[in-house]
Protein backbone atom coordinates (compact mmCIF):
# COMPACT_ATOMS: atom_id res chain seq x y z
CA MET A 1 -7.20 3.46 0.31
CA ILE A 2 -8.02 0.16 -1.33
CA PHE A 3 -5.86 1.13 -4.28
CA LYS A 4 -2.81 0.51 -2.09
CA TYR A 5 -3.60 -3.14 -1.56
CA VAL A 6 -5.84 -4.53 -4.32
CA LEU A 7 -4.86 -4.85 -7.98
CA MET A 8 -7.63 -4.49 -10.49
CA PHE A 9 -9.58 -7.71 -10.99
CA GLY A 10 -9.76 -6.92 -14.69
CA PHE A 11 -6.03 -7.52 -14.89
CA CYS A 12 -6.55 -10.99 -13.47
CA CYS A 13 -9.19 -11.63 -16.11
CA LEU A 14 -6.75 -10.62 -18.84
CA ILE A 15 -4.20 -13.05 -17.43
CA ALA A 16 -6.85 -15.76 -17.35
CA GLN A 17 -7.73 -15.10 -20.98
CA GLY A 18 -4.06 -15.38 -21.83
CA GLY A 19 -3.94 -18.82 -20.27
CA PHE A 20 -1.58 -18.02 -17.41
CA CYS A 21 -3.93 -18.46 -14.45
CA LYS A 22 -4.05 -21.86 -12.81
CA GLU A 23 -7.35 -23.68 -12.56
CA GLU A 24 -8.57 -23.78 -8.99
CA SER A 25 -9.61 -27.12 -7.53
CA GLN A 26 -12.82 -28.08 -5.81
CA SER A 27 -10.89 -28.12 -2.54
CA ASP A 28 -9.98 -24.47 -3.15
CA LEU A 29 -13.64 -23.58 -3.58
CA ASN A 30 -14.58 -25.50 -0.44
CA TYR A 31 -11.84 -23.74 1.51
CA VAL A 32 -13.04 -20.33 0.34
CA ARG A 33 -16.65 -21.11 1.28
CA GLU A 34 -15.64 -22.33 4.75
CA CYS A 35 -13.36 -19.36 5.33
CA PHE A 36 -15.98 -16.87 4.26
CA SER A 37 -18.64 -18.51 6.41
CA THR A 38 -16.35 -18.16 9.42
CA ILE A 39 -15.60 -14.50 8.62
CA ALA A 40 -19.29 -13.72 8.03
CA GLY A 41 -20.14 -15.23 11.41
CA HIS A 42 -17.52 -13.14 13.19
CA MET A 43 -18.71 -9.99 11.44
CA GLU A 44 -22.40 -10.69 12.14
CA LEU A 45 -23.24 -10.24 8.49
CA GLU A 46 -26.92 -10.59 7.61
CA SER A 47 -27.71 -14.21 6.69
CA SER A 48 -29.33 -13.21 3.38
CA ILE A 49 -26.19 -11.39 2.25
CA SER A 50 -23.98 -14.23 3.45
CA SER A 51 -26.05 -16.85 1.60
CA ASN A 52 -25.95 -14.85 -1.63
CA ILE A 53 -22.18 -14.50 -1.40
CA ILE A 54 -21.66 -18.23 -0.82
CA ARG A 55 -23.84 -19.00 -3.85
CA GLU A 56 -21.61 -16.73 -5.94
CA ILE A 57 -18.42 -18.58 -4.96
CA SER A 58 -17.77 -20.74 -7.99
CA HIS A 59 -15.22 -21.45 -10.72
CA ARG A 60 -16.24 -18.12 -12.28
CA THR A 61 -15.52 -16.03 -9.18
CA VAL A 62 -12.44 -17.81 -7.79
CA LEU A 63 -9.10 -17.97 -9.56
CA ILE A 64 -5.43 -18.51 -8.82
CA ASP A 65 -3.47 -15.39 -9.67
CA PRO A 66 0.16 -16.18 -10.55
CA GLU A 67 3.11 -14.39 -8.99
CA PHE A 68 3.08 -10.70 -9.91
CA GLN A 69 4.44 -7.53 -8.39
CA MET A 70 6.20 -8.97 -5.32
CA ARG A 71 3.45 -11.51 -4.61
CA ASP A 72 3.43 -15.28 -4.39
CA ASP A 73 0.61 -17.16 -6.07
CA GLU A 74 -2.69 -16.03 -4.58
CA LEU A 75 -6.20 -17.40 -4.38
CA VAL A 76 -8.49 -14.56 -5.49
CA VAL A 77 -12.22 -14.39 -4.75
CA ASN A 78 -14.29 -11.75 -6.51
CA THR A 79 -18.08 -11.73 -6.20
CA SER A 80 -20.59 -8.88 -6.33
CA LYS A 81 -20.26 -8.39 -2.55
CA ILE A 82 -16.70 -9.39 -1.57
CA TYR A 83 -13.12 -9.33 -2.77
CA MET A 84 -10.61 -11.57 -0.96
CA ARG A 85 -7.01 -12.60 -1.49
CA PHE A 86 -5.30 -15.54 0.18
CA ASP A 87 -1.68 -16.65 0.00
CA TYR A 88 -2.07 -19.83 -2.05
CA LYS A 89 0.56 -21.80 -0.12
CA THR A 90 -0.26 -20.80 3.45
CA LYS A 91 -3.94 -19.95 2.87
CA LYS A 92 -3.50 -16.87 5.07
CA LEU A 93 -5.84 -13.98 4.34
CA LYS A 94 -4.08 -10.98 2.76
CA ASN A 95 -6.95 -8.74 1.66
CA PHE A 96 -10.64 -8.58 2.42
CA ASN A 97 -13.17 -6.13 1.06
CA PHE A 98 -16.91 -6.18 1.54
CA LYS A 99 -18.45 -4.45 -1.48
CA LEU A 100 -21.23 -2.88 0.53
CA ILE A 101 -21.07 0.59 -0.99
CA ASP A 102 -24.85 0.80 -1.45
CA ALA A 103 -25.49 -0.23 2.15
CA ILE A 104 -22.94 2.28 3.41
CA LYS A 105 -24.48 5.06 1.32
CA ASN A 106 -27.81 4.24 2.91
CA ASN A 107 -26.19 4.75 6.32
CA PRO A 108 -24.52 8.15 5.81
CA THR A 109 -22.82 8.52 9.19
CA THR A 110 -20.96 11.82 9.24
CA VAL A 111 -20.43 12.13 13.00
CA PRO A 112 -18.85 9.09 14.69
CA SER A 113 -20.20 7.72 17.95
CA LEU A 114 -16.95 5.97 18.87
CA SER A 115 -13.96 7.65 20.47
CA LEU A 116 -10.51 7.21 18.94
CA ASN A 117 -9.58 4.55 21.49
CA GLU A 118 -12.86 2.71 20.97
CA ALA A 119 -12.29 2.68 17.21
CA ILE A 120 -8.77 1.30 17.68
CA ASP A 121 -10.04 -1.41 20.03
CA LYS A 122 -12.79 -2.40 17.59
CA ALA A 123 -10.28 -2.63 14.74
CA LYS A 124 -8.14 -4.95 16.86
CA ILE A 125 -11.18 -7.15 17.49
CA TYR A 126 -11.72 -7.45 13.74
CA LEU A 127 -8.07 -8.44 13.32
CA ARG A 128 -8.40 -11.14 15.97
CA ASN A 129 -11.56 -12.42 14.29
CA LEU A 130 -9.67 -12.64 11.01
CA GLY A 131 -6.81 -14.51 12.68
CA VAL A 132 -4.37 -11.65 12.11
CA GLU A 133 -1.81 -10.66 14.75
CA LEU A 134 -0.13 -7.28 14.85
CA PRO A 135 3.65 -7.76 14.56
CA ASP A 136 5.77 -6.70 17.52
CA ASN A 137 7.20 -3.77 15.54
CA ALA A 138 3.80 -2.45 14.42
CA SER A 139 3.03 1.09 15.53
CA LEU A 140 -0.18 3.05 15.07
CA LYS A 141 -0.01 5.42 12.09
CA THR A 142 -3.48 6.84 11.47
CA VAL A 143 -6.95 6.76 13.01
CA GLN A 144 -9.45 8.70 10.93
CA PHE A 145 -13.14 8.79 10.17
CA ASN A 146 -14.87 9.48 6.83
CA VAL A 147 -11.63 10.29 5.00
CA ASN A 148 -10.40 7.47 2.75
CA HIS A 149 -13.50 5.31 3.24
CA MET A 150 -16.90 6.99 3.09
CA HIS A 151 -18.69 7.04 6.48
CA CYS A 152 -16.15 4.54 7.84
CA TRP A 153 -13.28 4.43 10.29
CA GLU A 154 -9.82 3.61 9.02
CA ILE A 155 -7.12 2.41 11.42
CA ARG A 156 -3.63 1.85 10.03
CA TRP A 157 -0.49 0.33 11.56
CA GLY A 158 2.99 0.27 10.03
CA PRO A 159 6.43 -1.07 10.95
CA SER A 160 8.81 0.93 13.12
CA TYR A 161 12.44 0.11 13.77
CA GLY A 162 13.47 1.73 17.00
CA LYS A 163 12.04 5.22 16.58
CA TYR A 164 12.08 5.15 12.76
CA ASP A 165 9.03 4.55 10.58
CA TYR A 166 8.98 3.02 7.12
CA ASP A 167 8.87 5.24 4.04
CA ASP A 168 5.48 5.13 2.29
CA PHE A 169 6.04 7.47 -0.66
CA VAL A 170 5.20 4.79 -3.25
CA THR A 171 1.74 3.80 -2.10
CA PRO A 172 1.49 0.32 -3.76
CA TYR A 173 4.56 -0.73 -1.74
CA GLU A 174 3.48 0.84 1.55
CA GLN A 175 4.12 -1.47 4.48
CA SER A 176 1.00 -1.46 6.60
CA ILE A 177 -1.96 -3.27 8.12
CA VAL A 178 -5.28 -1.51 7.60
CA VAL A 179 -8.78 -2.06 8.96
CA ALA A 180 -11.78 -0.02 7.81
CA PHE A 181 -15.26 -0.48 9.23
CA HIS A 182 -18.69 1.13 9.40
CA GLU A 183 -20.00 1.61 12.93
CA THR A 184 -23.29 -0.22 12.29
CA ILE A 185 -22.69 -2.31 9.14
CA GLY A 186 -19.35 -3.70 10.32
CA LEU A 187 -16.07 -4.63 8.63
CA TYR A 188 -15.58 -3.00 5.27
CA PHE A 189 -11.92 -3.53 4.37
CA PHE A 190 -8.79 -5.31 5.58
CA GLY A 191 -5.40 -5.16 3.91
CA LYS A 192 -1.93 -6.32 4.87
CA ARG A 193 1.41 -5.74 3.15
CA TYR A 194 4.19 -6.33 5.62
CA ASN A 195 7.03 -8.14 3.87
CA PHE A 196 9.95 -5.71 3.35
CA PRO A 197 13.16 -6.52 5.28
CA ALA A 198 14.27 -4.67 8.38
CA PRO A 199 17.32 -2.40 8.10
CA LYS A 200 20.62 -3.95 9.13
CA SER A 201 21.63 -0.73 10.86
CA THR A 202 19.99 2.43 12.19
CA ARG A 203 23.21 4.39 12.65
CA VAL A 204 23.03 8.08 11.77
CA LYS A 205 26.38 9.61 10.84
CA VAL A 206 25.23 12.10 8.21
CA LEU A 207 23.95 15.45 9.41
CA LYS A 208 20.59 16.65 8.14
CA GLU A 209 22.13 19.69 6.45
CA ASP A 210 24.69 17.51 4.68
CA ALA A 211 21.94 15.18 3.43
CA ILE A 212 20.01 18.17 2.04
CA ARG A 213 23.12 19.44 0.27
CA ARG A 214 23.78 16.02 -1.30
CA ALA A 215 20.16 15.69 -2.36
CA GLU A 216 20.01 19.09 -4.05
CA LYS A 217 23.15 18.31 -5.98
CA VAL A 218 21.65 15.24 -7.70
CA VAL A 219 18.26 16.73 -8.65
CA PRO A 220 19.44 17.50 -12.25
CA LEU A 221 20.52 13.85 -12.54
CA VAL A 222 17.09 12.65 -11.39
CA MET A 223 15.52 14.75 -14.16
CA LYS A 224 17.78 13.08 -16.74
CA THR A 225 16.65 9.56 -15.89
CA PRO A 226 14.34 7.86 -18.41
CA TYR A 227 11.80 7.30 -15.63
CA TYR A 228 11.48 11.01 -14.96
CA GLN A 229 11.50 12.00 -18.63
CA MET A 230 8.68 9.64 -19.59
CA CYS A 231 6.47 11.19 -16.89
CA ARG A 232 7.60 14.78 -16.44
CA LEU A 233 8.98 17.81 -18.25
CA THR A 234 12.53 18.98 -17.65
CA GLY A 235 13.53 22.58 -16.96
CA PHE A 236 12.72 22.84 -13.26
CA LYS A 237 15.06 24.15 -10.60
CA VAL A 238 15.13 23.50 -6.86
CA SER A 239 13.35 26.33 -5.05
CA GLY A 240 13.05 25.09 -1.51
CA LEU A 241 13.00 22.29 1.04
CA ASP A 242 9.70 20.61 1.75
CA LYS A 243 10.97 18.20 4.41
CA ALA A 244 13.89 15.99 5.38
CA GLU A 245 13.17 13.06 7.67
CA LEU A 246 14.78 9.84 8.79
CA LEU A 247 12.85 6.85 7.43
CA VAL A 248 13.59 3.22 6.66
CA SER A 249 13.54 2.83 2.88
CA ALA A 250 14.21 0.19 0.25
CA PRO A 251 16.82 1.51 -2.24
CA ASN A 252 15.64 1.83 -5.84
CA TRP A 253 19.00 3.04 -7.23
CA LEU A 254 17.23 5.32 -9.68
CA LEU A 255 20.47 7.06 -10.69
CA ASP A 256 22.26 3.80 -11.52
CA PRO A 257 21.06 2.43 -14.90
CA LYS A 258 22.36 -1.05 -14.05
CA ARG A 259 20.54 -1.33 -10.73
CA ALA A 260 17.55 1.00 -11.11
CA VAL A 261 14.22 -0.50 -9.99
CA TRP A 262 11.23 1.52 -11.20
CA VAL A 263 8.55 -1.17 -10.86
CA ARG A 264 9.33 -3.79 -8.24
CA LYS A 265 8.70 -7.38 -9.28
CA LYS A 266 10.08 -8.93 -6.13
CA ILE A 267 10.54 -8.05 -2.48
CA PRO A 268 13.66 -5.89 -2.05
CA GLU A 269 16.74 -7.58 -0.65
CA GLU A 270 17.54 -4.78 1.77
CA SER A 271 16.26 -1.70 3.52
CA ARG A 272 18.30 1.20 4.89
CA LEU A 273 17.78 4.05 7.26
CA CYS A 274 17.82 7.11 5.01
CA TRP A 275 17.43 10.82 5.09
CA VAL A 276 14.40 11.16 2.82
CA VAL A 277 14.79 14.67 1.41
CA THR A 278 11.82 16.18 -0.44
CA LEU A 279 12.70 19.27 -2.48
CA LEU A 280 10.40 21.83 -4.07
CA THR A 281 10.99 23.08 -7.60
CA VAL A 282 10.03 26.02 -9.76
CA ASP A 283 9.72 26.21 -13.55
CA ALA A 284 12.83 27.85 -15.01
CA VAL A 285 11.74 27.66 -18.66
CA THR A 286 9.42 29.83 -20.74
CA ARG A 287 6.94 27.34 -22.20
CA LYS A 288 5.17 27.57 -25.53
CA ASP A 289 1.58 28.77 -25.57
CA GLY A 290 1.96 30.02 -22.00
CA MET A 291 1.81 26.48 -20.58
CA LYS A 292 2.37 26.40 -16.82
CA PRO A 293 3.06 22.83 -15.67
CA ILE A 294 2.82 22.00 -11.99
CA PRO A 295 6.37 21.90 -10.59
CA PRO A 296 7.23 18.42 -9.30
CA LYS A 297 8.64 17.59 -5.90
CA ILE A 298 11.87 15.60 -6.08
CA VAL A 299 12.54 12.98 -3.40
CA VAL A 300 16.11 11.83 -2.78
CA TYR A 301 17.16 8.97 -0.49
CA VAL A 302 20.48 9.53 1.29
CA ASP A 303 21.92 6.68 3.37
CA ALA A 304 22.02 8.06 6.91
CA ALA A 305 25.21 6.18 7.78
CA THR A 306 27.30 6.63 4.60
CA GLY A 307 25.80 9.58 2.72
CA GLU A 308 25.37 7.42 -0.38
CA ILE A 309 22.49 8.29 -2.72
CA VAL A 310 20.51 5.04 -2.77
CA GLY A 311 17.40 6.16 -4.64
CA ALA A 312 15.11 8.93 -5.81
CA ASN A 313 11.55 9.60 -6.83
CA PHE A 314 9.23 12.46 -7.77
CA THR A 315 5.63 13.54 -7.65
């Protein structure tokens, strides 16, 4: 899902209009052209498409996006056929998206010819061609065809610490490396967000049942937070357990007004192994006009070593 990795280019334009974007240099443009030419060669992109893209790389389609939402300054390239993001300091590629929707629609593959292992191997080849190495702690999360990307494969890796995966409830912060490609057209999308810290400990001293009990107890407090009340109605009561699993999570301290982090503007300082308890709710209030809101799920993060409530969220 491209939404997880790429912020809307329109936002960048608004920043530019406000005078906050830095002016890119000619050397930046030259770097982008050279980098794209290399990528296009690796991906065997048709020369006509490649030439058109290079012609579109100009001061109008390249900008320097200032630090925003846990990112350092980035070099952003946005033409009619590609969207790329580079770390401005290291020049490492962070996102790549061929805008070949029309071409993909004209190749409506609904039954894949590759096996799962062949798709994984091809995705790894694309990563090597992009100069991207899978970290030692990367584990395979999903391999799927024609689900998030029309007529394309999507292969996703994420960090694991020992046997514990990273929590991905808040999709814009999901830690992962993703490759999506069409079997005949080639690479469609690449995205990497892999910058949250590892947990200092993976000790588990709190029993699952105890974590569930602690989580249920704080649900009314979650519903009293300003973050919940600006998005959801109150008046729901816990009606069941959806799941409780051990995951590495970055605390958001939602129940502590002094430390609560609703929208992250920087990389978190710590991660912890938590019981991530997801609770079901039911409406306990008679609403006016017979309104029947969808009951939210409440997610509570319980430190697996101490039992401390370190965060919460909701659907």
